[in-house]
Structures are given as structure tokens and as C-alpha cells.
Amino acid sequence: MEIKPAKRLCGKLHVPGDKSISHRCVMFGAISEGTTEITNFLEGADCLSTIRCFREMGVEIEQTSSQIQVHGRGLHGLRAPMKTLDVGNSGTTTRLISGVLSGQPFCSVLSGDDSLNTRPMKRIIEPLSLMGADIESLHGNGCAPLRINAHLQAGTFPALTGISYHSKVASAQVKSAVLLAGLYAEGMTQVTEPALSRNHTELMLKEFGADVSSHIHKDGTYTASILPCTKLFAQKIRVPGDISSAAYFIAAALLVPDSEILIQNVGINPTRAGILSVCQDMGADITYLNRNDNGGEPTADLLVRTSRLHGVTVEGEVIPALIDEIPMIAVMAAFADGKTVIKDASELKVKETDRILTTTEGLRAMGADVIPTGDGMIICGGRPLHGGCVDSHLDHRIAMAFSVAALAAEGNTVIQNSQCVDISYPGFFDVLQKLQEKA
């Protein structure tokens, strides 16, 4: 994909539904009683992997242009899959579904593409095994393919035992896998993490009828607890716009001269919206309109105007709330005045790519002054970026972040392997083009 600089961006848009919430709607609907109706579902490749896996286990899922209907089979109604469950490139599918499968009376195997099968799964294998799950990495390397064997105590349910688990990382995927397994366990299950990660699972499970509670401790650690239940109940859910997808248009409006973009119905859950606080710290002109609260998930329309940005330090507790947006933040930092330091973000190394390296590589290809570190990067901004050739390495967030960089750079830029944006944002390039045409 070749991208030319933009003179101005103008218009309004809806971004696709939140990826994290879309995954969870299908999963929780599948193990509930009744039919869950989902609107504004993200039909990206990762979320379609979740649908495919549950269909393999006997869940009827209807898709139309406006709605997804998940005909739940209840907590104990899933069927043994006839073949390996294909999770594609989706780490969320793999880790969360492992929690559900750990409580089932049948054997299952999870495997994905080459990239997915190199991503770390020990972080869920450990706590699920402590609960009594029989889960193993088939290649013995702590990665998928994973086999989860049926494990019944004396042939009766429940097979699992509740635990109090202290996670080494603030990870919504680890927390969610353990909480979902907790639905099938004896006694209370608790997960404590060093800082509050995305809390979509806690909020949504409560809406579906689970007994979930949470507490932030004085030292900043966070504990989520769940009790087993006999039934979850179907819901009607409108998925908020994905803040991670909105981030690219927020950045584009801030960086391209004389721009103004209205992004409608965006999820602004504080555990996800760290990019908004960083943008405002950098001097961004962002106005919140039409605030709402839909099933515990706050939303707003975001009016974003071109701004002169300055460098900041991004660290500590905000990192889990913006980990996926760091490539985009790094691009903004390259255009900002002064130095930006990003740290405490070593989790970037185990995403679809090592995003410390791929972000640094892309910025340098466009002329930025950037130094990678063990847990982030240091960016000295203010130098004009020029067009170049940026390899996405099939990482959708890298492809989209540098597509935005290309709009504000001098000269044309080629994004290699740009088709990977379909993982989270089908039609991304069409929207970019329309914003230029309206200007």
C-alpha cells in the first residue's frame, strides 16, 4: 500500500466495535442460557476465529449485516470438537477459551498460525494447572498448540478447584482465563495483578449474571474474584467503538494540518483509554461529547483537532491501559516537540511482533530519532519525517500506525504487507481516503 501525504482531514466516522468486547460477547453468549444479540460486532479476523471455535463446539451463531445472534448452550452444553480448534492469529481467543475448555468434560486442541504459535502461553498454563486443569504445550515450549484434556474428579463436576492466584503481569487475558475457569471450579477463584488491566471480563460477566467482585488495594494491586454458578443468562449488547481503532484517527487529526475529525460512540473505559490521557498530556485538543454508559462500558463522541504536541514520559500504571496503542503514541512522539520516554512496556515484545523493534525500525525508516530500550523506547521529536518503506511484519497495529505517520510525512510511504489491517479494522484504508476527500 502506497500512501501520500494529506493536506487536511475532515469528517465524522464510527470505528468498528471494540475487539476485546466482541470476543467476550461471543464467548459468554455461547455458555449462557438463551440467545445473545450483539450489534456493532467487530467482524475482523481475530473475532471471527472466536466464532469459528465455538461453532466447532456446537454453538449456533447467526451473522447478518447488522447483528450477531449467539444461541447459547449453557455452561455445560458445549460439544467435543471434531478437529483442532483453529484460533488463527488471535491470542485473546487462545487464552480466554482455554479457561472455558479447562472446565469441560472433553479433550480439545488449540492451534493457530505460525505467529500465534510462538506467543507465550505459560502465563495461562500455570494458573489453570494449579486449578486442576490438564493442559499441555504439545511442542513443550510453552506455546500453542495446546491440548486440554478432560479431567473429571471421580467422573463428576466440578473438575477444578478455586485458587488465589497472583499474576506476575497485569494482563486481562491471564485474568480472564482464570476467572472463566472459576465458573467451573469449587469455591472462590481470585486473581491479583500488579495493576488494574482491562476489566471488560468483570463488567460483562456481571451483566450475564456471574457473581464477580473486585477490589483495588492501597498498594495499587488489584484483585478480581468469582464464585461458580449454575447459569449465565443471554444479553443484548451494543459493542462500543474500539478505542484502539479510534487511536489512529485521533492521531491523524492531531498530526495532519488544519484537521478536525468527530469519532462517534467510542469506548472510554478507563482501563482501555490510557491513550486519551497521554494525548491530553501531550497537548492534544480533544473534546468529549454525548457521554453514555452502556452496560457498564462508558462511551463518548470524540472531537479531535490539529494540535501542537510536546514530549512526555509514558510509564507505570497507565501502560496496561494503552499497551496496544504504543506504536501510535511513538509515531506521535516523533512529530512532537521534545523528548518522549516510553518505559515499563516490556509486554510489547510478545505481541504479534516484538513491537519495540518493529516500531523502532519503522520510525528509523522514516527518519525519526529513536532509541529502543529493554522495556520501551526514547524518541527525540521535532524532526520532519520523510516517506519510506515500512514493513508491517504482518502486525496490524504497526501497519496502521505507520499509515498515519505517512499522512503527516514528506513524500510517499509504502507499507508492506498492509493487508494485515483486516485482523482488527477491515476497511481502514477506505476510511482514511474518505477523510481526505471530505477535506
Protein backbone atom coordinates (compact mmCIF):
# COMPACT_ATOMS: atom_id res chain seq x y z
CA MET A 1 0.00 0.00 0.00
CA GLU A 2 1.42 3.40 -1.05
CA ILE A 3 0.27 6.39 0.99
CA LYS A 4 0.69 10.04 0.06
CA PRO A 5 0.84 12.96 2.50
CA ALA A 6 -2.52 14.52 3.37
CA LYS A 7 -3.17 18.26 3.23
CA ARG A 8 -6.14 18.08 5.62
CA LEU A 9 -8.52 15.56 7.18
CA CYS A 10 -12.15 16.29 7.90
CA GLY A 11 -15.32 14.36 8.66
CA LYS A 12 -17.02 12.05 11.10
CA LEU A 13 -16.87 8.30 11.44
CA HIS A 14 -17.77 5.26 13.50
CA VAL A 15 -14.88 2.92 14.21
CA PRO A 16 -15.53 -0.85 14.30
CA GLY A 17 -16.74 -2.46 17.50
CA ASP A 18 -14.29 -2.99 20.32
CA LYS A 19 -12.21 -6.09 19.63
CA SER A 20 -11.86 -7.20 23.26
CA ILE A 21 -15.57 -6.79 23.96
CA SER A 22 -16.59 -8.50 20.71
CA HIS A 23 -14.59 -11.62 21.65
CA ARG A 24 -16.20 -11.74 25.08
CA CYS A 25 -19.77 -11.26 23.80
CA VAL A 26 -19.49 -14.42 21.72
CA MET A 27 -17.73 -16.47 24.40
CA PHE A 28 -20.07 -15.54 27.23
CA GLY A 29 -23.12 -15.84 24.99
CA ALA A 30 -22.05 -19.33 23.95
CA ILE A 31 -22.04 -20.62 27.55
CA SER A 32 -25.24 -18.79 28.54
CA GLU A 33 -28.91 -19.76 28.50
CA GLY A 34 -30.86 -18.14 25.66
CA THR A 35 -29.86 -16.06 22.64
CA THR A 36 -27.37 -13.22 22.98
CA GLU A 37 -27.89 -10.43 20.43
CA ILE A 38 -24.81 -8.37 19.53
CA THR A 39 -24.75 -5.20 17.42
CA ASN A 40 -21.66 -3.32 16.21
CA PHE A 41 -19.68 -6.56 16.45
CA LEU A 42 -16.16 -6.38 15.02
CA GLU A 43 -16.01 -8.76 12.07
CA GLY A 44 -12.22 -8.78 12.00
CA ALA A 45 -10.20 -11.96 11.55
CA ASP A 46 -9.46 -12.42 15.26
CA CYS A 47 -13.09 -12.19 16.39
CA LEU A 48 -14.16 -14.47 13.55
CA SER A 49 -11.69 -17.02 14.96
CA THR A 50 -13.64 -16.96 18.22
CA ILE A 51 -16.92 -17.55 16.33
CA ARG A 52 -15.36 -20.40 14.37
CA CYS A 53 -14.11 -22.15 17.52
CA PHE A 54 -17.49 -22.06 19.25
CA ARG A 55 -19.29 -23.25 16.14
CA GLU A 56 -16.95 -26.26 16.20
CA MET A 57 -18.30 -26.97 19.69
CA GLY A 58 -21.93 -26.99 18.61
CA VAL A 59 -22.91 -23.37 19.20
CA GLU A 60 -25.27 -21.94 16.58
CA ILE A 61 -24.14 -18.42 15.67
CA GLU A 62 -26.02 -16.37 13.08
CA GLN A 63 -24.38 -13.44 11.32
CA THR A 64 -26.19 -10.70 9.41
CA SER A 65 -25.06 -7.27 8.26
CA SER A 66 -26.41 -5.67 11.43
CA GLN A 67 -26.35 -8.29 14.16
CA ILE A 68 -24.75 -11.43 15.57
CA GLN A 69 -27.01 -13.91 17.36
CA VAL A 70 -25.36 -16.47 19.64
CA HIS A 71 -27.66 -19.30 20.64
CA GLY A 72 -26.17 -20.30 23.97
CA ARG A 73 -25.76 -23.90 25.07
CA GLY A 74 -25.26 -23.17 28.76
CA LEU A 75 -22.22 -23.68 30.96
CA HIS A 76 -22.19 -27.44 30.38
CA GLY A 77 -23.64 -27.71 26.89
CA LEU A 78 -20.57 -27.40 24.66
CA ARG A 79 -19.79 -30.42 22.49
CA ALA A 80 -16.40 -32.02 21.91
CA PRO A 81 -14.87 -30.54 18.74
CA MET A 82 -14.29 -32.97 15.91
CA LYS A 83 -10.99 -31.35 14.95
CA THR A 84 -8.33 -28.95 16.20
CA LEU A 85 -9.78 -25.56 17.13
CA ASP A 86 -8.19 -23.02 14.77
CA VAL A 87 -7.54 -19.78 16.69
CA GLY A 88 -5.86 -18.06 13.73
CA ASN A 89 -3.72 -15.14 14.89
CA SER A 90 -5.80 -14.43 17.98
CA GLY A 91 -4.07 -14.51 21.36
CA THR A 92 -7.30 -13.39 23.02
CA THR A 93 -9.21 -16.36 21.60
CA THR A 94 -6.48 -18.77 22.66
CA ARG A 95 -6.05 -17.59 26.23
CA LEU A 96 -9.67 -16.92 27.12
CA ILE A 97 -11.11 -20.04 25.54
CA SER A 98 -8.52 -22.10 27.44
CA GLY A 99 -10.23 -21.04 30.66
CA VAL A 100 -13.60 -22.27 29.37
CA LEU A 101 -12.18 -25.50 27.95
CA SER A 102 -10.42 -26.33 31.22
CA GLY A 103 -13.84 -26.92 32.76
CA GLN A 104 -15.22 -29.18 30.01
CA PRO A 105 -15.57 -32.99 30.14
CA PHE A 106 -13.86 -33.47 26.77
CA CYS A 107 -10.44 -33.15 25.18
CA SER A 108 -9.62 -30.24 22.85
CA VAL A 109 -6.60 -28.95 20.94
CA LEU A 110 -5.94 -25.27 20.15
CA SER A 111 -3.59 -24.16 17.39
CA GLY A 112 -3.10 -21.05 15.27
CA ASP A 113 -0.91 -19.59 12.58
CA ASP A 114 2.90 -19.50 12.75
CA SER A 115 2.91 -16.19 14.62
CA LEU A 116 0.32 -17.23 17.20
CA ASN A 117 2.13 -20.50 17.86
CA THR A 118 5.23 -18.60 19.04
CA ARG A 119 3.42 -16.45 21.60
CA PRO A 120 3.79 -17.27 25.32
CA MET A 121 1.09 -19.44 26.86
CA LYS A 122 2.86 -20.46 30.08
CA ARG A 123 1.19 -17.49 31.72
CA ILE A 124 -2.18 -19.25 31.45
CA ILE A 125 -0.93 -22.85 31.63
CA GLU A 126 0.45 -22.22 35.13
CA PRO A 127 -2.69 -20.92 36.87
CA LEU A 128 -5.08 -23.24 35.02
CA SER A 129 -2.91 -26.21 36.00
CA LEU A 130 -2.97 -25.05 39.62
CA MET A 131 -6.78 -25.20 39.41
CA GLY A 132 -6.57 -28.84 38.28
CA ALA A 133 -6.73 -28.41 34.51
CA ASP A 134 -4.80 -30.94 32.44
CA ILE A 135 -3.26 -28.58 29.88
CA GLU A 136 -0.04 -29.02 27.97
CA SER A 137 2.02 -27.40 25.23
CA LEU A 138 2.33 -30.11 22.57
CA HIS A 139 5.79 -28.93 21.49
CA GLY A 140 6.96 -28.50 25.08
CA ASN A 141 7.90 -24.86 24.51
CA GLY A 142 5.13 -23.13 26.46
CA CYS A 143 3.34 -22.14 23.25
CA ALA A 144 0.43 -23.43 21.18
CA PRO A 145 -0.59 -25.97 20.01
CA LEU A 146 -2.20 -26.62 23.39
CA ARG A 147 -4.02 -29.80 24.36
CA ILE A 148 -6.57 -29.55 27.17
CA ASN A 149 -7.58 -32.99 28.37
CA ALA A 150 -10.86 -33.86 30.06
CA HIS A 151 -10.25 -34.01 33.79
CA LEU A 152 -13.13 -35.21 35.94
CA GLN A 153 -12.76 -35.91 39.63
CA ALA A 154 -14.30 -39.34 40.11
CA GLY A 155 -16.37 -38.70 36.99
CA THR A 156 -18.28 -35.75 38.44
CA PHE A 157 -18.32 -31.98 38.08
CA PRO A 158 -16.72 -29.71 39.05
CA ALA A 159 -13.31 -30.79 37.88
CA LEU A 160 -11.49 -27.64 39.00
CA THR A 161 -10.66 -26.06 42.34
CA GLY A 162 -10.75 -22.34 43.03
CA ILE A 163 -7.40 -20.72 43.77
CA SER A 164 -6.00 -17.36 44.82
CA TYR A 165 -3.53 -16.53 42.05
CA HIS A 166 -1.01 -13.70 41.95
CA SER A 167 -0.21 -12.86 38.33
CA LYS A 168 3.27 -11.59 37.56
CA VAL A 169 1.92 -9.27 34.87
CA ALA A 170 -1.12 -7.02 34.58
CA SER A 171 -2.80 -9.00 31.82
CA ALA A 172 -6.51 -9.01 31.06
CA GLN A 173 -6.07 -12.24 29.13
CA VAL A 174 -4.49 -14.10 32.05
CA LYS A 175 -7.06 -12.69 34.47
CA SER A 176 -9.94 -13.60 32.14
CA ALA A 177 -8.73 -17.17 31.56
CA VAL A 178 -8.60 -17.80 35.31
CA LEU A 179 -11.97 -16.14 36.00
CA LEU A 180 -13.65 -18.16 33.24
CA ALA A 181 -12.19 -21.37 34.65
CA GLY A 182 -13.52 -20.19 38.01
CA LEU A 183 -17.07 -20.58 36.68
CA TYR A 184 -16.38 -24.34 36.70
CA ALA A 185 -14.45 -24.55 39.98
CA GLU A 186 -15.29 -25.43 43.56
CA GLY A 187 -15.10 -22.39 45.82
CA MET A 188 -13.96 -18.85 45.12
CA THR A 189 -11.36 -18.06 42.48
CA GLN A 190 -9.27 -14.90 42.86
CA VAL A 191 -6.74 -13.23 40.58
CA THR A 192 -4.46 -10.49 41.89
CA GLU A 193 -2.43 -8.47 39.39
CA PRO A 194 0.20 -5.76 39.95
CA ALA A 195 -2.06 -3.10 38.41
CA LEU A 196 -5.58 -2.99 37.05
CA SER A 197 -5.70 -4.33 33.49
CA ARG A 198 -8.72 -4.15 31.15
CA ASN A 199 -11.80 -5.05 33.16
CA HIS A 200 -14.21 -5.96 30.33
CA THR A 201 -14.49 -9.53 31.62
CA GLU A 202 -15.51 -8.49 35.12
CA LEU A 203 -18.06 -5.96 33.84
CA MET A 204 -19.59 -8.25 31.25
CA LEU A 205 -19.69 -11.43 33.32
CA LYS A 206 -21.61 -9.48 35.96
CA GLU A 207 -24.13 -8.42 33.28
CA PHE A 208 -24.51 -12.09 32.29
CA GLY A 209 -25.31 -13.00 35.91
CA ALA A 210 -21.99 -14.21 37.32
CA ASP A 211 -21.03 -13.46 40.93
CA VAL A 212 -17.99 -11.25 40.30
CA SER A 213 -16.37 -8.71 42.62
CA SER A 214 -13.20 -6.63 42.53
CA HIS A 215 -11.02 -4.52 44.77
CA ILE A 216 -8.11 -2.12 44.29
CA HIS A 217 -5.66 -2.35 47.20
CA LYS A 218 -3.76 0.52 48.79
CA ASP A 219 -0.51 -0.57 47.11
CA GLY A 220 -2.14 -0.33 43.66
CA THR A 221 -2.58 -4.07 43.16
CA TYR A 222 -5.97 -5.30 42.01
CA THR A 223 -7.95 -8.43 42.85
CA ALA A 224 -10.88 -9.85 40.91
CA SER A 225 -12.94 -12.67 42.42
CA ILE A 226 -15.57 -15.04 41.04
CA LEU A 227 -17.79 -17.75 42.50
CA PRO A 228 -19.01 -20.74 40.49
CA CYS A 229 -22.53 -20.52 39.14
CA THR A 230 -25.03 -22.84 37.53
CA LYS A 231 -26.28 -20.49 34.82
CA LEU A 232 -25.38 -17.40 32.83
CA PHE A 233 -28.14 -15.52 31.02
CA ALA A 234 -28.17 -14.14 27.47
CA GLN A 235 -27.89 -10.38 26.93
CA LYS A 236 -28.47 -7.73 24.28
CA ILE A 237 -25.20 -5.88 23.74
CA ARG A 238 -24.20 -2.92 21.61
CA VAL A 239 -20.43 -3.07 21.34
CA PRO A 240 -18.75 0.34 21.81
CA GLY A 241 -16.38 1.60 19.14
CA ASP A 242 -12.86 0.27 19.70
CA ILE A 243 -10.59 2.89 21.32
CA SER A 244 -7.61 1.04 19.83
CA SER A 245 -9.04 1.59 16.34
CA ALA A 246 -10.05 5.16 17.16
CA ALA A 247 -6.44 5.86 18.22
CA TYR A 248 -5.26 6.01 14.60
CA PHE A 249 -7.81 8.66 13.66
CA ILE A 250 -7.19 10.60 16.86
CA ALA A 251 -3.51 10.70 15.95
CA ALA A 252 -4.22 11.52 12.30
CA ALA A 253 -6.38 14.51 13.25
CA LEU A 254 -3.75 15.74 15.69
CA LEU A 255 -0.85 15.46 13.24
CA VAL A 256 -2.23 16.48 9.84
CA PRO A 257 -2.57 20.30 9.50
CA ASP A 258 -5.98 22.02 9.72
CA SER A 259 -7.81 18.77 10.53
CA GLU A 260 -10.99 18.11 12.50
CA ILE A 261 -12.50 14.64 12.98
CA LEU A 262 -15.51 13.52 15.02
CA ILE A 263 -15.25 9.87 16.11
CA GLN A 264 -18.61 8.62 17.36
CA ASN A 265 -19.56 6.11 20.08
CA VAL A 266 -16.04 5.28 21.25
CA GLY A 267 -15.47 3.16 24.36
CA ILE A 268 -13.69 5.24 27.00
CA ASN A 269 -13.39 2.62 29.75
CA PRO A 270 -10.51 3.93 31.91
CA THR A 271 -8.78 0.53 31.80
CA ARG A 272 -8.52 0.89 28.00
CA ALA A 273 -8.40 4.61 27.31
CA GLY A 274 -4.91 5.45 28.51
CA ILE A 275 -4.13 6.89 25.09
CA LEU A 276 -6.60 9.72 25.74
CA SER A 277 -4.81 10.81 28.89
CA VAL A 278 -1.43 10.62 27.14
CA CYS A 279 -2.74 12.66 24.21
CA GLN A 280 -4.04 15.32 26.57
CA ASP A 281 -0.71 15.35 28.45
CA MET A 282 0.94 15.97 25.07
CA GLY A 283 -1.29 19.00 24.47
CA ALA A 284 -3.99 17.43 22.29
CA ASP A 285 -7.26 19.24 21.59
CA ILE A 286 -9.87 16.53 22.29
CA THR A 287 -13.45 17.30 23.33
CA TYR A 288 -15.79 14.66 24.80
CA LEU A 289 -19.41 14.82 23.58
CA ASN A 290 -22.51 12.69 24.24
CA ARG A 291 -21.12 10.67 27.13
CA ASN A 292 -23.07 7.49 27.85
CA ASP A 293 -22.86 4.31 29.93
CA ASN A 294 -23.96 1.13 28.16
CA GLY A 295 -23.94 -1.97 30.36
CA GLY A 296 -21.12 -0.61 32.48
CA GLU A 297 -18.99 0.36 29.47
CA PRO A 298 -18.73 4.18 29.17
CA THR A 299 -18.74 5.74 25.68
CA ALA A 300 -18.43 9.21 24.14
CA ASP A 301 -18.05 11.01 20.83
CA LEU A 302 -14.54 12.43 20.45
CA LEU A 303 -13.98 15.71 18.57
CA VAL A 304 -10.29 15.95 17.69
CA ARG A 305 -8.50 18.95 16.14
CA THR A 306 -4.95 19.50 14.93
CA SER A 307 -2.64 20.30 17.84
CA ARG A 308 0.99 21.11 18.54
CA LEU A 309 2.20 18.23 20.67
CA HIS A 310 5.09 18.01 23.11
CA GLY A 311 7.03 15.10 24.53
CA VAL A 312 6.00 13.24 27.69
CA THR A 313 7.00 10.24 29.79
CA VAL A 314 4.71 7.23 29.46
CA GLU A 315 5.21 4.74 32.28
CA GLY A 316 3.80 2.86 35.24
CA GLU A 317 0.15 2.15 35.86
CA VAL A 318 -1.08 3.68 32.59
CA ILE A 319 0.82 1.12 30.46
CA PRO A 320 -1.78 -1.71 30.66
CA ALA A 321 -4.44 0.80 29.55
CA LEU A 322 -2.62 1.65 26.31
CA ILE A 323 -0.26 -1.23 25.52
CA ASP A 324 -1.75 -1.77 22.04
CA GLU A 325 -1.55 1.95 21.25
CA ILE A 326 2.15 2.40 21.97
CA PRO A 327 3.22 2.16 18.29
CA MET A 328 0.79 5.01 17.54
CA ILE A 329 1.98 7.00 20.57
CA ALA A 330 5.57 6.55 19.39
CA VAL A 331 4.66 7.98 15.99
CA MET A 332 3.00 10.98 17.62
CA ALA A 333 6.11 11.45 19.75
CA ALA A 334 8.27 11.59 16.63
CA PHE A 335 6.26 14.61 15.43
CA ALA A 336 6.06 16.23 18.88
CA ASP A 337 8.44 18.83 20.28
CA GLY A 338 10.99 17.48 22.73
CA LYS A 339 11.73 14.04 24.12
CA THR A 340 9.28 11.23 24.86
CA VAL A 341 10.26 8.30 27.05
CA ILE A 342 8.21 5.08 26.99
CA LYS A 343 9.06 2.51 29.65
CA ASP A 344 7.61 -0.35 31.71
CA ALA A 345 6.31 -1.77 28.43
CA SER A 346 8.29 -5.00 28.01
CA GLU A 347 4.96 -6.70 27.20
CA LEU A 348 5.41 -5.18 23.72
CA LYS A 349 7.97 -7.89 22.99
CA VAL A 350 5.37 -10.67 22.98
CA LYS A 351 2.66 -9.15 20.81
CA GLU A 352 2.10 -10.11 17.15
CA THR A 353 5.65 -8.86 16.69
CA ASP A 354 8.27 -7.51 19.07
CA ARG A 355 6.73 -4.06 18.84
CA ILE A 356 9.72 -2.34 20.41
CA LEU A 357 11.81 -3.49 17.47
CA THR A 358 9.21 -3.13 14.72
CA THR A 359 8.16 0.35 15.89
CA THR A 360 11.79 1.45 16.12
CA GLU A 361 12.52 0.01 12.69
CA GLY A 362 9.58 1.85 11.11
CA LEU A 363 10.41 5.18 12.75
CA ARG A 364 14.04 4.99 11.65
CA ALA A 365 12.94 4.16 8.10
CA MET A 366 11.10 7.50 8.11
CA GLY A 367 13.96 9.50 9.61
CA ALA A 368 12.99 9.64 13.29
CA ASP A 369 15.49 9.83 16.16
CA VAL A 370 14.57 6.81 18.29
CA ILE A 371 16.47 4.52 20.65
CA PRO A 372 14.99 1.16 21.69
CA THR A 373 15.34 0.10 25.33
CA GLY A 374 14.66 -3.11 27.18
CA ASP A 375 11.15 -2.03 28.12
CA GLY A 376 10.28 0.72 25.65
CA MET A 377 11.98 3.46 23.66
CA ILE A 378 13.26 7.02 23.75
CA ILE A 379 12.11 9.33 20.96
CA CYS A 380 13.55 12.77 20.29
CA GLY A 381 10.81 14.51 18.36
CA GLY A 382 10.57 17.57 16.18
CA ARG A 383 12.46 16.28 13.16
CA PRO A 384 10.39 16.17 9.95
CA LEU A 385 9.67 12.60 8.92
CA HIS A 386 10.08 11.57 5.30
CA GLY A 387 8.41 8.89 3.26
CA GLY A 388 9.97 5.47 3.26
CA CYS A 389 9.34 1.76 3.06
CA VAL A 390 7.92 0.29 6.26
CA ASP A 391 7.45 -3.45 6.73
CA SER A 392 4.47 -4.22 8.96
CA HIS A 393 5.77 -7.75 9.55
CA LEU A 394 2.07 -8.69 9.31
CA ASP A 395 1.33 -6.78 12.52
CA HIS A 396 -1.91 -4.83 12.08
CA ARG A 397 -1.04 -2.19 14.66
CA ILE A 398 2.30 -1.46 13.03
CA ALA A 399 0.65 -1.17 9.60
CA MET A 400 -1.99 1.28 10.83
CA ALA A 401 0.36 3.40 12.97
CA PHE A 402 2.75 3.98 10.09
CA SER A 403 -0.07 4.62 7.65
CA VAL A 404 -0.94 7.58 9.88
CA ALA A 405 2.72 8.60 10.03
CA ALA A 406 2.72 8.60 6.21
CA LEU A 407 -0.13 11.13 6.10
CA ALA A 408 1.96 13.67 8.04
CA ALA A 409 5.36 12.89 6.48
CA GLU A 410 7.10 14.46 3.47
CA GLY A 411 6.91 12.26 0.39
CA ASN A 412 5.20 8.95 -0.27
CA THR A 413 5.40 5.91 2.00
CA VAL A 414 4.97 2.23 1.18
CA ILE A 415 3.50 -0.04 3.85
CA GLN A 416 4.47 -3.62 3.11
CA ASN A 417 2.05 -6.45 3.99
CA SER A 418 -0.66 -3.88 4.65
CA GLN A 419 -3.47 -6.44 4.26
CA CYS A 420 -2.94 -7.44 7.89
CA VAL A 421 -5.11 -4.49 8.99
CA ASP A 422 -8.10 -6.77 8.35
CA ILE A 423 -7.29 -8.51 11.64
CA SER A 424 -8.85 -5.63 13.56
CA TYR A 425 -10.03 -2.99 11.07
CA PRO A 426 -11.40 -4.14 7.70
CA GLY A 427 -11.85 -1.04 5.54
CA PHE A 428 -9.24 1.03 7.40
CA PHE A 429 -7.64 2.43 4.25
CA ASP A 430 -11.02 3.30 2.73
CA VAL A 431 -11.86 5.42 5.78
CA LEU A 432 -8.51 7.23 5.57
CA GLN A 433 -9.21 8.03 1.94
CA LYS A 434 -12.72 9.36 2.64
CA LEU A 435 -11.43 11.71 5.35
CA GLN A 436 -9.08 13.20 2.78
CA GLU A 437 -11.77 13.51 0.14
CA LYS A 438 -14.14 15.35 2.52
CA ALA A 439 -11.41 17.85 3.32
